C-alpha atoms as a PDB file:
ATOM      1  CA  LYS A   1      77.905 -18.784 -30.599  1.00  0.00           C
ATOM      2  CA  ASN A   2      76.038 -15.502 -30.894  1.00  0.00           C
ATOM      3  CA  ILE A   3      72.759 -17.151 -29.822  1.00  0.00           C
ATOM      4  CA  THR A   4      74.487 -18.685 -26.797  1.00  0.00           C
ATOM      5  CA  LEU A   5      75.877 -15.287 -25.754  1.00  0.00           C
ATOM      6  CA  MET A   6      72.477 -13.689 -26.195  1.00  0.00           C
ATOM      7  CA  THR A   7      70.795 -16.476 -24.190  1.00  0.00           C
ATOM      8  CA  ASP A   8      73.369 -16.088 -21.417  1.00  0.00           C
ATOM      9  CA  HIS A   9      72.808 -12.340 -21.414  1.00  0.00           C
ATOM     10  CA  PHE A  10      69.025 -12.849 -21.153  1.00  0.00           C
ATOM     11  CA  LYS A  11      69.566 -15.215 -18.218  1.00  0.00           C
ATOM     12  CA  LEU A  12      71.812 -12.697 -16.480  1.00  0.00           C
ATOM     13  CA  LEU A  13      69.356  -9.845 -16.980  1.00  0.00           C
ATOM     14  CA  ARG A  14      66.404 -11.957 -15.835  1.00  0.00           C
ATOM     15  CA  SER A  15      68.376 -13.033 -12.766  1.00  0.00           C
ATOM     16  CA  LYS A  16      69.036  -9.373 -11.933  1.00  0.00           C
ATOM     17  CA  LEU A  17      65.360  -8.602 -12.451  1.00  0.00           C
ATOM     18  CA  ALA A  18      64.362 -11.457 -10.121  1.00  0.00           C
ATOM     19  CA  LYS A  19      66.637 -10.041  -7.396  1.00  0.00           C
ATOM     20  CA  ILE A  20      65.133  -6.585  -7.844  1.00  0.00           C
ATOM     21  CA  ASN A  21      61.625  -8.076  -7.605  1.00  0.00           C
ATOM     22  CA  GLU A  22      62.568  -9.879  -4.401  1.00  0.00           C
ATOM     23  CA  THR A  23      63.976  -6.673  -2.905  1.00  0.00           C
ATOM     24  CA  TRP A  24      60.921  -4.725  -4.018  1.00  0.00           C
ATOM     25  CA  PHE A  25      58.535  -7.121  -2.277  1.00  0.00           C
ATOM     26  CA  GLU A  26      60.714  -7.078   0.845  1.00  0.00           C
ATOM     27  CA  LEU A  27      60.498  -3.274   0.825  1.00  0.00           C
ATOM     28  CA  LEU A  28      56.716  -3.415   0.419  1.00  0.00           C
ATOM     29  CA  SER A  29      56.536  -5.752   3.402  1.00  0.00           C
ATOM     30  CA  THR A  30      58.768  -3.440   5.423  1.00  0.00           C
ATOM     31  CA  ARG A  31      56.567  -0.500   4.476  1.00  0.00           C
ATOM     32  CA  GLN A  32      53.464  -2.411   5.602  1.00  0.00           C
ATOM     33  CA  ASN A  33      55.140  -3.181   8.924  1.00  0.00           C
ATOM     34  CA  ILE A  34      55.956   0.487   9.475  1.00  0.00           C
ATOM     35  CA  VAL A  35      52.370   1.484   8.691  1.00  0.00           C
ATOM     36  CA  SER A  36      51.234  -1.116  11.240  1.00  0.00           C
ATOM     37  CA  GLN A  37      53.646   0.284  13.832  1.00  0.00           C
ATOM     38  CA  ILE A  38      52.266   3.785  13.249  1.00  0.00           C
ATOM     39  CA  GLN A  39      48.735   2.479  13.772  1.00  0.00           C
ATOM     40  CA  GLU A  40      49.789   0.604  16.923  1.00  0.00           C
ATOM     41  CA  LEU A  41      51.471   3.748  18.262  1.00  0.00           C
ATOM     42  CA  LYS A  42      48.287   5.705  17.659  1.00  0.00           C
ATOM     43  CA  ILE A  43      46.249   3.055  19.489  1.00  0.00           C
ATOM     44  CA  SER A  44      48.628   2.908  22.447  1.00  0.00           C
ATOM     45  CA  ASN A  45      48.455   6.708  22.747  1.00  0.00           C
ATOM     46  CA  GLU A  46      44.684   6.710  22.340  1.00  0.00           C
ATOM     47  CA  ILE A  47      44.871   8.645  19.083  1.00  0.00           C
ATOM     48  CA  GLU A  48      41.929   7.994  16.815  1.00  0.00           C
ATOM     49  CA  ILE A  49      42.918   6.112  13.686  1.00  0.00           C
ATOM     50  CA  ILE A  50      41.293   7.964  10.842  1.00  0.00           C
ATOM     51  CA  TRP A  51      42.009   8.834   7.261  1.00  0.00           C
ATOM     52  CA  ASP A  52      44.015  12.067   7.275  1.00  0.00           C
ATOM     53  CA  PRO A  53      43.620  13.901   3.956  1.00  0.00           C
ATOM     54  CA  LYS A  54      46.089  16.620   5.008  1.00  0.00           C
ATOM     55  CA  GLN A  55      48.763  13.974   5.583  1.00  0.00           C
ATOM     56  CA  GLU A  56      47.990  12.504   2.170  1.00  0.00           C
ATOM     57  CA  LYS A  57      48.287  15.934   0.580  1.00  0.00           C
ATOM     58  CA  ASP A  58      51.771  16.249   2.101  1.00  0.00           C
ATOM     59  CA  VAL A  59      52.796  12.727   1.052  1.00  0.00           C
ATOM     60  CA  PHE A  60      51.526  13.108  -2.516  1.00  0.00           C
ATOM     61  CA  THR A  61      52.891  16.636  -2.926  1.00  0.00           C
ATOM     62  CA  GLN A  62      56.347  15.353  -2.012  1.00  0.00           C
ATOM     63  CA  TYR A  63      55.916  12.334  -4.290  1.00  0.00           C
ATOM     64  CA  VAL A  64      55.016  14.545  -7.270  1.00  0.00           C
ATOM     65  CA  LEU A  65      57.965  16.851  -6.538  1.00  0.00           C
ATOM     66  CA  ASP A  66      60.319  13.862  -6.303  1.00  0.00           C
ATOM     67  CA  HIS A  67      58.853  12.153  -9.392  1.00  0.00           C
ATOM     68  CA  PRO A  68      57.722  14.889 -11.788  1.00  0.00           C
ATOM     69  CA  ARG A  69      57.810  12.605 -14.839  1.00  0.00           C
ATOM     70  CA  ALA A  70      55.936   9.653 -13.356  1.00  0.00           C
ATOM     71  CA  ASP A  71      53.177   8.511 -15.656  1.00  0.00           C
ATOM     72  CA  ILE A  72      49.616   7.538 -14.768  1.00  0.00           C
ATOM     73  CA  LYS A  73      50.524   3.879 -14.281  1.00  0.00           C
ATOM     74  CA  GLN A  74      53.277   4.766 -11.806  1.00  0.00           C
ATOM     75  CA  ASP A  75      50.932   7.148  -9.981  1.00  0.00           C
ATOM     76  CA  LEU A  76      48.230   4.493  -9.889  1.00  0.00           C
ATOM     77  CA  ALA A  77      50.674   1.884  -8.567  1.00  0.00           C
ATOM     78  CA  TYR A  78      51.792   4.236  -5.794  1.00  0.00           C
ATOM     79  CA  SER A  79      48.192   5.110  -4.958  1.00  0.00           C
ATOM     80  CA  LEU A  80      47.261   1.419  -4.774  1.00  0.00           C
ATOM     81  CA  ILE A  81      50.209   0.592  -2.496  1.00  0.00           C
ATOM     82  CA  ILE A  82      49.202   3.335  -0.092  1.00  0.00           C
ATOM     83  CA  GLU A  83      45.569   2.198  -0.204  1.00  0.00           C
ATOM     84  CA  LEU A  84      46.570  -1.412   0.418  1.00  0.00           C
ATOM     85  CA  HIS A  85      48.710  -0.529   3.413  1.00  0.00           C
ATOM     86  CA  ALA A  86      46.370   2.082   4.894  1.00  0.00           C
ATOM     87  CA  ALA A  87      43.264  -0.057   4.456  1.00  0.00           C
ATOM     88  CA  GLN A  88      43.923  -1.681   7.813  1.00  0.00           C
ATOM     89  CA  THR A  89      42.640   1.510   9.453  1.00  0.00           C
ATOM     90  CA  ARG A  90      39.142   0.678   8.188  1.00  0.00           C
ATOM     91  CA  SER A  91      38.479   4.394   7.780  1.00  0.00           C
ATOM     92  CA  TYR A  92      40.625   4.642   4.669  1.00  0.00           C
ATOM     93  CA  PRO A  93      38.608   5.203   1.502  1.00  0.00           C
ATOM     94  CA  ALA A  94      38.627   2.427  -1.072  1.00  0.00           C
ATOM     95  CA  TRP A  95      39.600   4.662  -3.997  1.00  0.00           C
ATOM     96  CA  SER A  96      40.281   1.730  -6.290  1.00  0.00           C
ATOM     97  CA  GLU A  97      36.712   0.557  -5.743  1.00  0.00           C
ATOM     98  CA  GLY A  98      35.226   3.955  -6.579  1.00  0.00           C
ATOM     99  CA  GLU A  99      34.068   4.760  -3.052  1.00  0.00           C
ATOM    100  CA  HIS A 100      34.622   8.464  -3.764  1.00  0.00           C
ATOM    101  CA  LEU A 101      32.615   8.524  -6.999  1.00  0.00           C
ATOM    102  CA  ASN A 102      28.953   9.113  -7.700  1.00  0.00           C
ATOM    103  CA  SER A 103      29.164   6.520 -10.453  1.00  0.00           C
ATOM    104  CA  LEU A 104      31.785   3.949 -11.364  1.00  0.00           C
ATOM    105  CA  SER A 105      34.012   4.656 -14.316  1.00  0.00           C
ATOM    106  CA  ALA A 106      36.309   2.571 -16.494  1.00  0.00           C
ATOM    107  CA  ASP A 107      38.802   5.455 -16.495  1.00  0.00           C
ATOM    108  CA  ARG A 108      42.082   4.556 -14.763  1.00  0.00           C
ATOM    109  CA  ASN A 109      42.041   7.946 -13.087  1.00  0.00           C
ATOM    110  CA  ALA A 110      38.907   6.891 -11.225  1.00  0.00           C
ATOM    111  CA  LEU A 111      40.911   4.144  -9.468  1.00  0.00           C
ATOM    112  CA  MET A 112      43.529   6.566  -8.178  1.00  0.00           C
ATOM    113  CA  ASN A 113      43.556   8.518  -4.961  1.00  0.00           C
ATOM    114  CA  PRO A 114      41.876  11.785  -6.010  1.00  0.00           C
ATOM    115  CA  ILE A 115      44.262  13.850  -3.883  1.00  0.00           C
ATOM    116  CA  LEU A 116      47.183  12.575  -5.943  1.00  0.00           C
ATOM    117  CA  LEU A 117      45.259  13.187  -9.153  1.00  0.00           C
ATOM    118  CA  PHE A 118      44.370  16.726  -7.998  1.00  0.00           C
ATOM    119  CA  ILE A 119      48.071  17.462  -7.433  1.00  0.00           C
ATOM    120  CA  ARG A 120      49.303  15.768 -10.610  1.00  0.00           C
ATOM    121  CA  ASN A 121      46.637  16.738 -13.130  1.00  0.00           C
ATOM    122  CA  ARG A 122      43.821  19.119 -12.250  1.00  0.00           C
ATOM    123  CA  THR A 123      42.231  18.709 -15.682  1.00  0.00           C
ATOM    124  CA  GLU A 124      41.912  14.940 -15.260  1.00  0.00           C
ATOM    125  CA  TYR A 125      40.745  15.404 -11.669  1.00  0.00           C
ATOM    126  CA  SER A 126      37.993  17.767 -12.798  1.00  0.00           C
ATOM    127  CA  GLN A 127      36.645  15.031 -15.102  1.00  0.00           C
ATOM    128  CA  LEU A 128      35.848  12.744 -12.172  1.00  0.00           C
ATOM    129  CA  ASN A 129      32.297  12.606 -10.841  1.00  0.00           C
ATOM    130  CA  ILE A 130      33.339  12.847  -7.185  1.00  0.00           C
ATOM    131  CA  LYS A 131      30.860  12.618  -4.344  1.00  0.00           C
ATOM    132  CA  LYS A 132      30.200  15.957  -2.692  1.00  0.00           C
ATOM    133  CA  GLU A 133      31.613  14.873   0.682  1.00  0.00           C
ATOM    134  CA  TYR A 134      34.991  13.978  -0.841  1.00  0.00           C
ATOM    135  CA  GLN A 135      35.029  17.021  -3.097  1.00  0.00           C
ATOM    136  CA  GLU A 136      34.520  19.255  -0.051  1.00  0.00           C
ATOM    137  CA  ILE A 137      37.350  17.532   1.843  1.00  0.00           C
ATOM    138  CA  ILE A 138      39.718  17.880  -1.105  1.00  0.00           C
ATOM    139  CA  ASN A 139      38.736  21.481  -1.751  1.00  0.00           C
ATOM    140  CA  ASN A 140      39.250  22.239   1.931  1.00  0.00           C
ATOM    141  CA  ILE A 141      42.786  20.840   2.146  1.00  0.00           C
ATOM    142  CA  PHE A 142      43.790  22.738  -0.988  1.00  0.00           C
ATOM    143  CA  GLY A 143      42.042  25.964   0.054  1.00  0.00           C
ATOM    144  CA  GLU A 144      39.686  25.828  -2.918  1.00  0.00           C
ATOM    145  CA  ASN A 145      36.097  27.009  -2.972  1.00  0.00           C
ATOM    146  CA  ASN A 146      33.551  24.207  -3.070  1.00  0.00           C
ATOM    147  CA  GLU A 147      32.549  24.819  -6.672  1.00  0.00           C
ATOM    148  CA  THR A 148      35.657  23.272  -8.237  1.00  0.00           C
END
């Protein structure tokens, strides 16, 4: 009897998890649609579609404030979702492919948006071998000198 109850409980929990997964993917799709609408609005108003590091600073600053205990995997997941959705602009850096680095690294931090990493963990950020052009952009939006 105890095994049957446990099995039923597993089934119930897995069913709940499946519903959450379905909702999560629906939300991701909705988010993608909103990003597309923003891009379409920019096009219709003849606004250049470019990567906006200041906007990312604002988004990631709010994210870190709202989720102060998120771990690196959660940060990486969020970074990857934003990269996936923003990639349609074609000017969005491919962080997860190391576009911002002088040399590829196996470090998970190297896959993450460096603006988020800068906000979350300056020590880890400073370990990245970031290309000068990206380092200057990041330093500029944070009001840092270019020797960081």
